[in-house]
PDB file of all heavy atoms in Angstrom:
ATOM      1  N   PHE A   1       0.834  -1.211   0.000  1.00  0.00           N
ATOM      2  CA  PHE A   1       0.000   0.000   0.000  1.00  0.00           C
ATOM      3  C   PHE A   1       0.868   1.260   0.000  1.00  0.00           C
ATOM      4  O   PHE A   1       0.537   2.251  -0.650  1.00  0.00           O
ATOM      5  CB  PHE A   1      -0.942  -0.003   1.204  1.00  0.00           C
ATOM      6  CG  PHE A   1      -2.120  -0.922   1.041  1.00  0.00           C
ATOM      7  CD1 PHE A   1      -2.083  -2.226   1.527  1.00  0.00           C
ATOM      8  CD2 PHE A   1      -3.267  -0.492   0.393  1.00  0.00           C
ATOM      9  CE1 PHE A   1      -3.164  -3.079   1.369  1.00  0.00           C
ATOM     10  CE2 PHE A   1      -4.356  -1.341   0.227  1.00  0.00           C
ATOM     11  CZ  PHE A   1      -4.314  -2.640   0.711  1.00  0.00           C
ATOM     12  N   ILE A   2       1.980   1.211   0.744  1.00  0.00           N
ATOM     13  CA  ILE A   2       2.885   2.366   0.772  1.00  0.00           C
ATOM     14  C   ILE A   2       3.431   2.655  -0.623  1.00  0.00           C
ATOM     15  O   ILE A   2       3.584   3.814  -1.031  1.00  0.00           O
ATOM     16  CB  ILE A   2       4.034   2.119   1.765  1.00  0.00           C
ATOM     17  CG1 ILE A   2       3.482   2.034   3.193  1.00  0.00           C
ATOM     18  CG2 ILE A   2       5.105   3.213   1.663  1.00  0.00           C
ATOM     19  CD1 ILE A   2       4.510   1.646   4.229  1.00  0.00           C
ATOM     20  N   LYS A   3       3.692   1.595  -1.397  1.00  0.00           N
ATOM     21  CA  LYS A   3       4.252   1.751  -2.734  1.00  0.00           C
ATOM     22  C   LYS A   3       3.238   2.282  -3.744  1.00  0.00           C
ATOM     23  O   LYS A   3       3.581   2.528  -4.899  1.00  0.00           O
ATOM     24  CB  LYS A   3       4.828   0.412  -3.217  1.00  0.00           C
ATOM     25  CG  LYS A   3       6.100   0.012  -2.502  1.00  0.00           C
ATOM     26  CD  LYS A   3       6.608  -1.347  -2.991  1.00  0.00           C
ATOM     27  CE  LYS A   3       7.892  -1.725  -2.272  1.00  0.00           C
ATOM     28  NZ  LYS A   3       9.005  -0.835  -2.634  1.00  0.00           N
ATOM     29  N   LEU A   4       1.987   2.481  -3.324  1.00  0.00           N
ATOM     30  CA  LEU A   4       1.006   3.124  -4.206  1.00  0.00           C
ATOM     31  C   LEU A   4       1.263   4.618  -4.336  1.00  0.00           C
ATOM     32  O   LEU A   4       0.636   5.290  -5.163  1.00  0.00           O
ATOM     33  CB  LEU A   4      -0.418   2.894  -3.673  1.00  0.00           C
ATOM     34  CG  LEU A   4      -0.946   1.458  -3.750  1.00  0.00           C
ATOM     35  CD1 LEU A   4      -2.337   1.376  -3.155  1.00  0.00           C
ATOM     36  CD2 LEU A   4      -0.940   0.935  -5.175  1.00  0.00           C
ATOM     37  N   ASP A   5       2.157   5.131  -3.527  1.00  0.00           N
ATOM     38  CA  ASP A   5       2.566   6.530  -3.637  1.00  0.00           C
ATOM     39  C   ASP A   5       3.011   6.797  -5.080  1.00  0.00           C
ATOM     40  O   ASP A   5       3.907   6.119  -5.587  1.00  0.00           O
ATOM     41  CB  ASP A   5       3.722   6.797  -2.666  1.00  0.00           C
ATOM     42  CG  ASP A   5       4.180   8.251  -2.668  1.00  0.00           C
ATOM     43  OD1 ASP A   5       3.916   8.963  -3.648  1.00  0.00           O
ATOM     44  OD2 ASP A   5       4.817   8.664  -1.680  1.00  0.00           O
ATOM     45  N   PRO A   6       2.374   7.753  -5.771  1.00  0.00           N
ATOM     46  CA  PRO A   6       2.724   8.004  -7.182  1.00  0.00           C
ATOM     47  C   PRO A   6       4.212   8.247  -7.405  1.00  0.00           C
ATOM     48  O   PRO A   6       4.751   7.915  -8.459  1.00  0.00           O
ATOM     49  CB  PRO A   6       1.898   9.249  -7.529  1.00  0.00           C
ATOM     50  CG  PRO A   6       0.742   9.214  -6.575  1.00  0.00           C
ATOM     51  CD  PRO A   6       1.286   8.621  -5.307  1.00  0.00           C
ATOM     52  N   ARG A   7       4.905   8.824  -6.403  1.00  0.00           N
ATOM     53  CA  ARG A   7       6.339   9.086  -6.553  1.00  0.00           C
ATOM     54  C   ARG A   7       7.134   7.791  -6.638  1.00  0.00           C
ATOM     55  O   ARG A   7       8.213   7.750  -7.239  1.00  0.00           O
ATOM     56  CB  ARG A   7       6.831   9.932  -5.376  1.00  0.00           C
ATOM     57  CG  ARG A   7       6.296  11.360  -5.375  1.00  0.00           C
ATOM     58  CD  ARG A   7       6.605  12.065  -4.089  1.00  0.00           C
ATOM     59  NE  ARG A   7       5.956  11.420  -2.948  1.00  0.00           N
ATOM     60  CZ  ARG A   7       6.037  11.848  -1.690  1.00  0.00           C
ATOM     61  NH1 ARG A   7       6.752  12.928  -1.408  1.00  0.00           N
ATOM     62  NH2 ARG A   7       5.419  11.204  -0.713  1.00  0.00           N
ATOM     63  N   GLN A   8       6.623   6.725  -6.025  1.00  0.00           N
ATOM     64  CA  GLN A   8       7.272   5.423  -6.141  1.00  0.00           C
ATOM     65  C   GLN A   8       6.751   4.664  -7.358  1.00  0.00           C
ATOM     66  O   GLN A   8       7.502   4.002  -8.066  1.00  0.00           O
ATOM     67  CB  GLN A   8       7.031   4.591  -4.876  1.00  0.00           C
ATOM     68  CG  GLN A   8       7.665   5.157  -3.622  1.00  0.00           C
ATOM     69  CD  GLN A   8       7.649   4.167  -2.473  1.00  0.00           C
ATOM     70  OE1 GLN A   8       7.980   2.990  -2.636  1.00  0.00           O
ATOM     71  NE2 GLN A   8       7.261   4.635  -1.297  1.00  0.00           N
ATOM     72  N   LEU A   9       5.449   4.785  -7.602  1.00  0.00           N
ATOM     73  CA  LEU A   9       4.818   4.002  -8.663  1.00  0.00           C
ATOM     74  C   LEU A   9       5.280   4.443 -10.050  1.00  0.00           C
ATOM     75  O   LEU A   9       5.340   3.621 -10.976  1.00  0.00           O
ATOM     76  CB  LEU A   9       3.298   4.141  -8.541  1.00  0.00           C
ATOM     77  CG  LEU A   9       2.437   2.987  -9.066  1.00  0.00           C
ATOM     78  CD1 LEU A   9       2.833   1.676  -8.401  1.00  0.00           C
ATOM     79  CD2 LEU A   9       0.968   3.270  -8.814  1.00  0.00           C
ATOM     80  N   ILE A  10       5.639   5.711 -10.211  1.00  0.00           N
ATOM     81  CA  ILE A  10       6.052   6.230 -11.512  1.00  0.00           C
ATOM     82  C   ILE A  10       7.316   5.549 -12.019  1.00  0.00           C
ATOM     83  O   ILE A  10       7.601   5.539 -13.228  1.00  0.00           O
ATOM     84  CB  ILE A  10       6.258   7.769 -11.450  1.00  0.00           C
ATOM     85  CG1 ILE A  10       6.395   8.372 -12.853  1.00  0.00           C
ATOM     86  CG2 ILE A  10       7.482   8.105 -10.610  1.00  0.00           C
ATOM     87  CD1 ILE A  10       5.153   8.266 -13.683  1.00  0.00           C
ATOM     88  N   ARG A  11       8.087   4.930 -11.109  1.00  0.00           N
ATOM     89  CA  ARG A  11       9.294   4.219 -11.527  1.00  0.00           C
ATOM     90  C   ARG A  11       8.959   2.970 -12.342  1.00  0.00           C
ATOM     91  O   ARG A  11       9.814   2.414 -13.018  1.00  0.00           O
ATOM     92  CB  ARG A  11      10.132   3.844 -10.303  1.00  0.00           C
ATOM     93  CG  ARG A  11      10.740   5.054  -9.592  1.00  0.00           C
ATOM     94  CD  ARG A  11      11.560   4.673  -8.386  1.00  0.00           C
ATOM     95  NE  ARG A  11      10.751   4.044  -7.341  1.00  0.00           N
ATOM     96  CZ  ARG A  11      11.205   3.651  -6.162  1.00  0.00           C
ATOM     97  NH1 ARG A  11      12.472   3.808  -5.872  1.00  0.00           N
ATOM     98  NH2 ARG A  11      10.408   3.098  -5.281  1.00  0.00           N
ATOM     99  N   ASN A  12       7.714   2.518 -12.255  1.00  0.00           N
ATOM    100  CA  ASN A  12       7.237   1.396 -13.067  1.00  0.00           C
ATOM    101  C   ASN A  12       6.103   1.926 -13.944  1.00  0.00           C
ATOM    102  O   ASN A  12       4.935   1.891 -13.553  1.00  0.00           O
ATOM    103  CB  ASN A  12       6.734   0.270 -12.161  1.00  0.00           C
ATOM    104  CG  ASN A  12       6.446  -1.016 -12.930  1.00  0.00           C
ATOM    105  OD1 ASN A  12       6.098  -0.974 -14.106  1.00  0.00           O
ATOM    106  ND2 ASN A  12       6.580  -2.140 -12.257  1.00  0.00           N
ATOM    107  N   PRO A  13       6.426   2.445 -15.141  1.00  0.00           N
ATOM    108  CA  PRO A  13       5.428   3.154 -15.958  1.00  0.00           C
ATOM    109  C   PRO A  13       4.190   2.324 -16.279  1.00  0.00           C
ATOM    110  O   PRO A  13       3.083   2.875 -16.355  1.00  0.00           O
ATOM    111  CB  PRO A  13       6.207   3.511 -17.231  1.00  0.00           C
ATOM    112  CG  PRO A  13       7.643   3.552 -16.794  1.00  0.00           C
ATOM    113  CD  PRO A  13       7.764   2.486 -15.755  1.00  0.00           C
ATOM    114  N   VAL A  14       4.342   1.025 -16.507  1.00  0.00           N
ATOM    115  CA  VAL A  14       3.185   0.197 -16.858  1.00  0.00           C
ATOM    116  C   VAL A  14       2.215   0.105 -15.681  1.00  0.00           C
ATOM    117  O   VAL A  14       1.000   0.254 -15.842  1.00  0.00           O
ATOM    118  CB  VAL A  14       3.639  -1.206 -17.293  1.00  0.00           C
ATOM    119  CG1 VAL A  14       2.434  -2.091 -17.597  1.00  0.00           C
ATOM    120  CG2 VAL A  14       4.537  -1.118 -18.524  1.00  0.00           C
ATOM    121  N   MET A  15       2.755  -0.134 -14.481  1.00  0.00           N
ATOM    122  CA  MET A  15       1.885  -0.216 -13.309  1.00  0.00           C
ATOM    123  C   MET A  15       1.318   1.159 -12.965  1.00  0.00           C
ATOM    124  O   MET A  15       0.189   1.266 -12.463  1.00  0.00           O
ATOM    125  CB  MET A  15       2.656  -0.792 -12.121  1.00  0.00           C
ATOM    126  CG  MET A  15       3.154  -2.212 -12.334  1.00  0.00           C
ATOM    127  SD  MET A  15       1.897  -3.358 -12.973  1.00  0.00           S
ATOM    128  CE  MET A  15       0.741  -3.410 -11.617  1.00  0.00           C
ATOM    129  N   PHE A  16       2.080   2.207 -13.246  1.00  0.00           N
ATOM    130  CA  PHE A  16       1.567   3.561 -13.034  1.00  0.00           C
ATOM    131  C   PHE A  16       0.365   3.816 -13.953  1.00  0.00           C
ATOM    132  O   PHE A  16      -0.652   4.385 -13.532  1.00  0.00           O
ATOM    133  CB  PHE A  16       2.665   4.592 -13.307  1.00  0.00           C
ATOM    134  CG  PHE A  16       2.243   6.019 -13.102  1.00  0.00           C
ATOM    135  CD1 PHE A  16       2.096   6.541 -11.829  1.00  0.00           C
ATOM    136  CD2 PHE A  16       1.980   6.830 -14.198  1.00  0.00           C
ATOM    137  CE1 PHE A  16       1.697   7.866 -11.645  1.00  0.00           C
ATOM    138  CE2 PHE A  16       1.583   8.150 -14.021  1.00  0.00           C
ATOM    139  CZ  PHE A  16       1.441   8.661 -12.737  1.00  0.00           C
ATOM    140  N   THR A  17       0.466   3.357 -15.200  1.00  0.00           N
ATOM    141  CA  THR A  17      -0.650   3.480 -16.136  1.00  0.00           C
ATOM    142  C   THR A  17      -1.862   2.700 -15.640  1.00  0.00           C
ATOM    143  O   THR A  17      -3.004   3.176 -15.712  1.00  0.00           O
ATOM    144  CB  THR A  17      -0.229   2.968 -17.528  1.00  0.00           C
ATOM    145  OG1 THR A  17       0.891   3.719 -17.989  1.00  0.00           O
ATOM    146  CG2 THR A  17      -1.368   3.081 -18.525  1.00  0.00           C
ATOM    147  N   THR A  18      -1.613   1.497 -15.134  1.00  0.00           N
ATOM    148  CA  THR A  18      -2.708   0.677 -14.598  1.00  0.00           C
ATOM    149  C   THR A  18      -3.387   1.377 -13.432  1.00  0.00           C
ATOM    150  O   THR A  18      -4.622   1.368 -13.310  1.00  0.00           O
ATOM    151  CB  THR A  18      -2.169  -0.696 -14.151  1.00  0.00           C
ATOM    152  OG1 THR A  18      -1.471  -1.313 -15.231  1.00  0.00           O
ATOM    153  CG2 THR A  18      -3.304  -1.614 -13.710  1.00  0.00           C
ATOM    154  N   ALA A  19      -2.584   1.993 -12.553  1.00  0.00           N
ATOM    155  CA  ALA A  19      -3.147   2.717 -11.413  1.00  0.00           C
ATOM    156  C   ALA A  19      -3.979   3.910 -11.889  1.00  0.00           C
ATOM    157  O   ALA A  19      -5.053   4.199 -11.327  1.00  0.00           O
ATOM    158  CB  ALA A  19      -2.033   3.183 -10.482  1.00  0.00           C
ATOM    159  N   CYS A  20      -3.502   4.611 -12.914  1.00  0.00           N
ATOM    160  CA  CYS A  20      -4.262   5.752 -13.450  1.00  0.00           C
ATOM    161  C   CYS A  20      -5.605   5.293 -14.023  1.00  0.00           C
ATOM    162  O   CYS A  20      -6.643   5.953 -13.828  1.00  0.00           O
ATOM    163  CB  CYS A  20      -3.451   6.465 -14.535  1.00  0.00           C
ATOM    164  SG  CYS A  20      -2.008   7.350 -13.890  1.00  0.00           S
ATOM    165  N   VAL A  21      -5.596   4.164 -14.730  1.00  0.00           N
ATOM    166  CA  VAL A  21      -6.843   3.627 -15.288  1.00  0.00           C
ATOM    167  C   VAL A  21      -7.781   3.190 -14.162  1.00  0.00           C
ATOM    168  O   VAL A  21      -9.002   3.415 -14.224  1.00  0.00           O
ATOM    169  CB  VAL A  21      -6.538   2.457 -16.236  1.00  0.00           C
ATOM    170  CG1 VAL A  21      -7.831   1.766 -16.677  1.00  0.00           C
ATOM    171  CG2 VAL A  21      -5.760   2.947 -17.447  1.00  0.00           C
ATOM    172  N   ALA A  22      -7.212   2.564 -13.124  1.00  0.00           N
ATOM    173  CA  ALA A  22      -8.039   2.159 -11.979  1.00  0.00           C
ATOM    174  C   ALA A  22      -8.673   3.373 -11.310  1.00  0.00           C
ATOM    175  O   ALA A  22      -9.853   3.338 -10.912  1.00  0.00           O
ATOM    176  CB  ALA A  22      -7.190   1.383 -10.977  1.00  0.00           C
ATOM    177  N   LEU A  23      -7.904   4.458 -11.188  1.00  0.00           N
ATOM    178  CA  LEU A  23      -8.435   5.687 -10.605  1.00  0.00           C
ATOM    179  C   LEU A  23      -9.548   6.264 -11.486  1.00  0.00           C
ATOM    180  O   LEU A  23     -10.586   6.728 -10.977  1.00  0.00           O
ATOM    181  CB  LEU A  23      -7.306   6.706 -10.439  1.00  0.00           C
ATOM    182  CG  LEU A  23      -7.692   8.061  -9.838  1.00  0.00           C
ATOM    183  CD1 LEU A  23      -8.268   7.890  -8.427  1.00  0.00           C
ATOM    184  CD2 LEU A  23      -6.483   8.993  -9.818  1.00  0.00           C
ATOM    185  N   LEU A  24      -9.347   6.215 -12.816  1.00  0.00           N
ATOM    186  CA  LEU A  24     -10.360   6.707 -13.745  1.00  0.00           C
ATOM    187  C   LEU A  24     -11.661   5.917 -13.599  1.00  0.00           C
ATOM    188  O   LEU A  24     -12.759   6.506 -13.553  1.00  0.00           O
ATOM    189  CB  LEU A  24      -9.839   6.611 -15.182  1.00  0.00           C
ATOM    190  CG  LEU A  24     -10.849   6.951 -16.295  1.00  0.00           C
ATOM    191  CD1 LEU A  24     -11.291   8.415 -16.175  1.00  0.00           C
ATOM    192  CD2 LEU A  24     -10.249   6.682 -17.670  1.00  0.00           C
ATOM    193  N   LEU A  25     -11.560   4.585 -13.512  1.00  0.00           N
ATOM    194  CA  LEU A  25     -12.755   3.756 -13.361  1.00  0.00           C
ATOM    195  C   LEU A  25     -13.445   4.020 -12.030  1.00  0.00           C
ATOM    196  O   LEU A  25     -14.680   3.976 -11.940  1.00  0.00           O
ATOM    197  CB  LEU A  25     -12.397   2.274 -13.484  1.00  0.00           C
ATOM    198  CG  LEU A  25     -12.664   1.663 -14.875  1.00  0.00           C
ATOM    199  CD1 LEU A  25     -11.826   2.377 -15.928  1.00  0.00           C
ATOM    200  CD2 LEU A  25     -12.363   0.164 -14.862  1.00  0.00           C
ATOM    201  N   THR A  26     -12.649   4.301 -11.009  1.00  0.00           N
ATOM    202  CA  THR A  26     -13.231   4.624  -9.710  1.00  0.00           C
ATOM    203  C   THR A  26     -14.030   5.916  -9.789  1.00  0.00           C
ATOM    204  O   THR A  26     -15.135   6.017  -9.230  1.00  0.00           O
ATOM    205  CB  THR A  26     -12.120   4.747  -8.649  1.00  0.00           C
ATOM    206  OG1 THR A  26     -11.356   3.543  -8.617  1.00  0.00           O
ATOM    207  CG2 THR A  26     -12.714   4.994  -7.268  1.00  0.00           C
ATOM    208  N   ILE A  27     -13.496   6.913 -10.483  1.00  0.00           N
ATOM    209  CA  ILE A  27     -14.203   8.192 -10.653  1.00  0.00           C
ATOM    210  C   ILE A  27     -15.473   7.992 -11.483  1.00  0.00           C
ATOM    211  O   ILE A  27     -16.553   8.505 -11.141  1.00  0.00           O
ATOM    212  CB  ILE A  27     -13.274   9.229 -11.313  1.00  0.00           C
ATOM    213  CG1 ILE A  27     -12.107   9.557 -10.373  1.00  0.00           C
ATOM    214  CG2 ILE A  27     -14.051  10.501 -11.672  1.00  0.00           C
ATOM    215  CD1 ILE A  27     -11.033  10.424 -11.006  1.00  0.00           C
ATOM    216  N   LEU A  28     -15.360   7.218 -12.577  1.00  0.00           N
ATOM    217  CA  LEU A  28     -16.526   6.972 -13.433  1.00  0.00           C
ATOM    218  C   LEU A  28     -17.604   6.186 -12.701  1.00  0.00           C
ATOM    219  O   LEU A  28     -18.802   6.315 -13.015  1.00  0.00           O
ATOM    220  CB  LEU A  28     -16.097   6.213 -14.695  1.00  0.00           C
ATOM    221  CG  LEU A  28     -15.230   6.992 -15.688  1.00  0.00           C
ATOM    222  CD1 LEU A  28     -14.801   6.113 -16.847  1.00  0.00           C
ATOM    223  CD2 LEU A  28     -15.999   8.209 -16.210  1.00  0.00           C
ATOM    224  N   LEU A  29     -17.179   5.371 -11.731  1.00  0.00           N
ATOM    225  CA  LEU A  29     -18.144   4.621 -10.944  1.00  0.00           C
ATOM    226  C   LEU A  29     -19.061   5.562 -10.169  1.00  0.00           C
ATOM    227  O   LEU A  29     -20.248   5.273  -9.949  1.00  0.00           O
ATOM    228  CB  LEU A  29     -17.397   3.692  -9.974  1.00  0.00           C
ATOM    229  CG  LEU A  29     -18.247   2.817  -9.040  1.00  0.00           C
ATOM    230  CD1 LEU A  29     -19.095   1.838  -9.847  1.00  0.00           C
ATOM    231  CD2 LEU A  29     -17.340   2.054  -8.066  1.00  0.00           C
ATOM    232  N   VAL A  30     -18.511   6.705  -9.777  1.00  0.00           N
ATOM    233  CA  VAL A  30     -19.276   7.678  -8.989  1.00  0.00           C
ATOM    234  C   VAL A  30     -20.043   8.653  -9.881  1.00  0.00           C
ATOM    235  O   VAL A  30     -21.221   8.950  -9.643  1.00  0.00           O
ATOM    236  CB  VAL A  30     -18.338   8.452  -8.036  1.00  0.00           C
ATOM    237  CG1 VAL A  30     -19.113   9.502  -7.243  1.00  0.00           C
ATOM    238  CG2 VAL A  30     -17.625   7.495  -7.106  1.00  0.00           C
ATOM    239  N   VAL A  31     -19.383   9.146 -10.927  1.00  0.00           N
ATOM    240  CA  VAL A  31     -19.995  10.226 -11.716  1.00  0.00           C
ATOM    241  C   VAL A  31     -20.396   9.798 -13.124  1.00  0.00           C
ATOM    242  O   VAL A  31     -21.041  10.574 -13.836  1.00  0.00           O
ATOM    243  CB  VAL A  31     -19.026  11.425 -11.807  1.00  0.00           C
ATOM    244  CG1 VAL A  31     -18.665  11.928 -10.429  1.00  0.00           C
ATOM    245  CG2 VAL A  31     -17.760  11.059 -12.584  1.00  0.00           C
ATOM    246  N   GLY A  32     -20.003   8.620 -13.564  1.00  0.00           N
ATOM    247  CA  GLY A  32     -20.263   8.216 -14.939  1.00  0.00           C
ATOM    248  C   GLY A  32     -21.715   7.838 -15.172  1.00  0.00           C
ATOM    249  O   GLY A  32     -22.427   7.411 -14.266  1.00  0.00           O
ATOM    250  N   HIS A  33     -22.148   7.989 -16.430  1.00  0.00           N
ATOM    251  CA  HIS A  33     -23.512   7.629 -16.819  1.00  0.00           C
ATOM    252  C   HIS A  33     -23.429   6.833 -18.113  1.00  0.00           C
ATOM    253  O   HIS A  33     -23.128   7.371 -19.178  1.00  0.00           O
ATOM    254  CB  HIS A  33     -24.376   8.877 -17.028  1.00  0.00           C
ATOM    255  CG  HIS A  33     -24.495   9.721 -15.791  1.00  0.00           C
ATOM    256  ND1 HIS A  33     -25.305   9.381 -14.729  1.00  0.00           N
ATOM    257  CD2 HIS A  33     -23.893  10.885 -15.445  1.00  0.00           C
ATOM    258  CE1 HIS A  33     -25.211  10.301 -13.784  1.00  0.00           C
ATOM    259  NE2 HIS A  33     -24.347  11.224 -14.193  1.00  0.00           N
ATOM    260  N   ASP A  34     -23.631   5.544 -18.025  1.00  0.00           N
ATOM    261  CA  ASP A  34     -23.668   4.696 -19.213  1.00  0.00           C
ATOM    262  C   ASP A  34     -24.608   3.539 -18.943  1.00  0.00           C
ATOM    263  O   ASP A  34     -25.231   3.443 -17.876  1.00  0.00           O
ATOM    264  CB  ASP A  34     -22.265   4.217 -19.601  1.00  0.00           C
ATOM    265  CG  ASP A  34     -21.529   3.568 -18.435  1.00  0.00           C
ATOM    266  OD1 ASP A  34     -22.159   2.811 -17.684  1.00  0.00           O
ATOM    267  OD2 ASP A  34     -20.316   3.848 -18.272  1.00  0.00           O
ATOM    268  N   SER A  35     -24.674   2.627 -19.910  1.00  0.00           N
ATOM    269  CA  SER A  35     -25.626   1.514 -19.805  1.00  0.00           C
ATOM    270  C   SER A  35     -25.108   0.344 -18.976  1.00  0.00           C
ATOM    271  O   SER A  35     -25.840  -0.617 -18.737  1.00  0.00           O
ATOM    272  CB  SER A  35     -25.981   1.018 -21.212  1.00  0.00           C
ATOM    273  OG  SER A  35     -24.802   0.576 -21.888  1.00  0.00           O
ATOM    274  N   LEU A  36     -23.859   0.405 -18.532  1.00  0.00           N
ATOM    275  CA  LEU A  36     -23.275  -0.713 -17.799  1.00  0.00           C
ATOM    276  C   LEU A  36     -23.752  -0.712 -16.355  1.00  0.00           C
ATOM    277  O   LEU A  36     -23.945   0.335 -15.738  1.00  0.00           O
ATOM    278  CB  LEU A  36     -21.743  -0.629 -17.838  1.00  0.00           C
ATOM    279  CG  LEU A  36     -21.111  -0.716 -19.231  1.00  0.00           C
ATOM    280  CD1 LEU A  36     -19.611  -0.498 -19.131  1.00  0.00           C
ATOM    281  CD2 LEU A  36     -21.406  -2.064 -19.880  1.00  0.00           C
ATOM    282  N   ALA A  37     -23.930  -1.915 -15.811  1.00  0.00           N
ATOM    283  CA  ALA A  37     -24.387  -2.059 -14.428  1.00  0.00           C
ATOM    284  C   ALA A  37     -23.325  -1.532 -13.470  1.00  0.00           C
ATOM    285  O   ALA A  37     -22.124  -1.715 -13.694  1.00  0.00           O
ATOM    286  CB  ALA A  37     -24.697  -3.518 -14.118  1.00  0.00           C
ATOM    287  N   THR A  38     -23.783  -0.902 -12.396  1.00  0.00           N
ATOM    288  CA  THR A  38     -22.851  -0.348 -11.412  1.00  0.00           C
ATOM    289  C   THR A  38     -21.998  -1.438 -10.789  1.00  0.00           C
ATOM    290  O   THR A  38     -20.797  -1.248 -10.561  1.00  0.00           O
ATOM    291  CB  THR A  38     -23.635   0.390 -10.318  1.00  0.00           C
ATOM    292  OG1 THR A  38     -24.400   1.434 -10.914  1.00  0.00           O
ATOM    293  CG2 THR A  38     -22.694   0.982  -9.283  1.00  0.00           C
ATOM    294  N   SER A  39     -22.603  -2.606 -10.522  1.00  0.00           N
ATOM    295  CA  SER A  39     -21.845  -3.704  -9.909  1.00  0.00           C
ATOM    296  C   SER A  39     -20.727  -4.177 -10.827  1.00  0.00           C
ATOM    297  O   SER A  39     -19.628  -4.510 -10.377  1.00  0.00           O
ATOM    298  CB  SER A  39     -22.778  -4.869  -9.583  1.00  0.00           C
ATOM    299  OG  SER A  39     -23.374  -5.378 -10.767  1.00  0.00           O
ATOM    300  N   PHE A  40     -20.991  -4.191 -12.129  1.00  0.00           N
ATOM    301  CA  PHE A  40     -19.976  -4.594 -13.097  1.00  0.00           C
ATOM    302  C   PHE A  40     -18.812  -3.612 -13.090  1.00  0.00           C
ATOM    303  O   PHE A  40     -17.637  -4.001 -13.027  1.00  0.00           O
ATOM    304  CB  PHE A  40     -20.604  -4.673 -14.485  1.00  0.00           C
ATOM    305  CG  PHE A  40     -19.623  -4.949 -15.589  1.00  0.00           C
ATOM    306  CD1 PHE A  40     -19.017  -6.189 -15.723  1.00  0.00           C
ATOM    307  CD2 PHE A  40     -19.296  -3.957 -16.509  1.00  0.00           C
ATOM    308  CE1 PHE A  40     -18.109  -6.442 -16.741  1.00  0.00           C
ATOM    309  CE2 PHE A  40     -18.392  -4.200 -17.524  1.00  0.00           C
ATOM    310  CZ  PHE A  40     -17.796  -5.434 -17.639  1.00  0.00           C
ATOM    311  N   LYS A  41     -19.115  -2.323 -13.123  1.00  0.00           N
ATOM    312  CA  LYS A  41     -18.067  -1.303 -13.112  1.00  0.00           C
ATOM    313  C   LYS A  41     -17.290  -1.329 -11.798  1.00  0.00           C
ATOM    314  O   LYS A  41     -16.065  -1.134 -11.782  1.00  0.00           O
ATOM    315  CB  LYS A  41     -18.685   0.081 -13.348  1.00  0.00           C
ATOM    316  CG  LYS A  41     -19.259   0.258 -14.746  1.00  0.00           C
ATOM    317  CD  LYS A  41     -19.651   1.695 -15.012  1.00  0.00           C
ATOM    318  CE  LYS A  41     -20.876   2.083 -14.205  1.00  0.00           C
ATOM    319  NZ  LYS A  41     -21.355   3.440 -14.559  1.00  0.00           N
ATOM    320  N   ALA A  42     -17.987  -1.584 -10.694  1.00  0.00           N
ATOM    321  CA  ALA A  42     -17.318  -1.651  -9.391  1.00  0.00           C
ATOM    322  C   ALA A  42     -16.334  -2.812  -9.344  1.00  0.00           C
ATOM    323  O   ALA A  42     -15.212  -2.682  -8.829  1.00  0.00           O
ATOM    324  CB  ALA A  42     -18.346  -1.777  -8.278  1.00  0.00           C
ATOM    325  N   GLN A  43     -16.743  -3.956  -9.888  1.00  0.00           N
ATOM    326  CA  GLN A  43     -15.847  -5.115  -9.899  1.00  0.00           C
ATOM    327  C   GLN A  43     -14.610  -4.848 -10.757  1.00  0.00           C
ATOM    328  O   GLN A  43     -13.491  -5.219 -10.376  1.00  0.00           O
ATOM    329  CB  GLN A  43     -16.595  -6.346 -10.417  1.00  0.00           C
ATOM    330  CG  GLN A  43     -17.645  -6.880  -9.465  1.00  0.00           C
ATOM    331  CD  GLN A  43     -18.351  -8.096 -10.045  1.00  0.00           C
ATOM    332  OE1 GLN A  43     -17.809  -9.194 -10.034  1.00  0.00           O
ATOM    333  NE2 GLN A  43     -19.563  -7.878 -10.570  1.00  0.00           N
ATOM    334  N   LEU A  44     -14.808  -4.204 -11.898  1.00  0.00           N
ATOM    335  CA  LEU A  44     -13.654  -3.885 -12.740  1.00  0.00           C
ATOM    336  C   LEU A  44     -12.681  -2.974 -11.999  1.00  0.00           C
ATOM    337  O   LEU A  44     -11.454  -3.191 -12.023  1.00  0.00           O
ATOM    338  CB  LEU A  44     -14.115  -3.206 -14.032  1.00  0.00           C
ATOM    339  CG  LEU A  44     -14.738  -4.090 -15.109  1.00  0.00           C
ATOM    340  CD1 LEU A  44     -15.130  -3.247 -16.312  1.00  0.00           C
ATOM    341  CD2 LEU A  44     -13.785  -5.202 -15.542  1.00  0.00           C
ATOM    342  N   ALA A  45     -13.204  -1.939 -11.326  1.00  0.00           N
ATOM    343  CA  ALA A  45     -12.340  -1.014 -10.589  1.00  0.00           C
ATOM    344  C   ALA A  45     -11.581  -1.740  -9.485  1.00  0.00           C
ATOM    345  O   ALA A  45     -10.370  -1.530  -9.291  1.00  0.00           O
ATOM    346  CB  ALA A  45     -13.175   0.124 -10.007  1.00  0.00           C
ATOM    347  N   VAL A  46     -12.284  -2.617  -8.752  1.00  0.00           N
ATOM    348  CA  VAL A  46     -11.642  -3.362  -7.656  1.00  0.00           C
ATOM    349  C   VAL A  46     -10.525  -4.245  -8.190  1.00  0.00           C
ATOM    350  O   VAL A  46      -9.414  -4.276  -7.639  1.00  0.00           O
ATOM    351  CB  VAL A  46     -12.683  -4.208  -6.900  1.00  0.00           C
ATOM    352  CG1 VAL A  46     -11.981  -5.202  -5.973  1.00  0.00           C
ATOM    353  CG2 VAL A  46     -13.611  -3.308  -6.102  1.00  0.00           C
TER     354      VAL A  46
END
């Protein structure tokens, strides 16, 4: 969990990209509006 610090995570660009996408899905889970079920989007983010 400590290594989730962006200053550490940026040293691994691929995992940093994955973390950014996970953060995006987390935001879309709260504010997004589409036809996908909320439970489905929540599982993807998790």
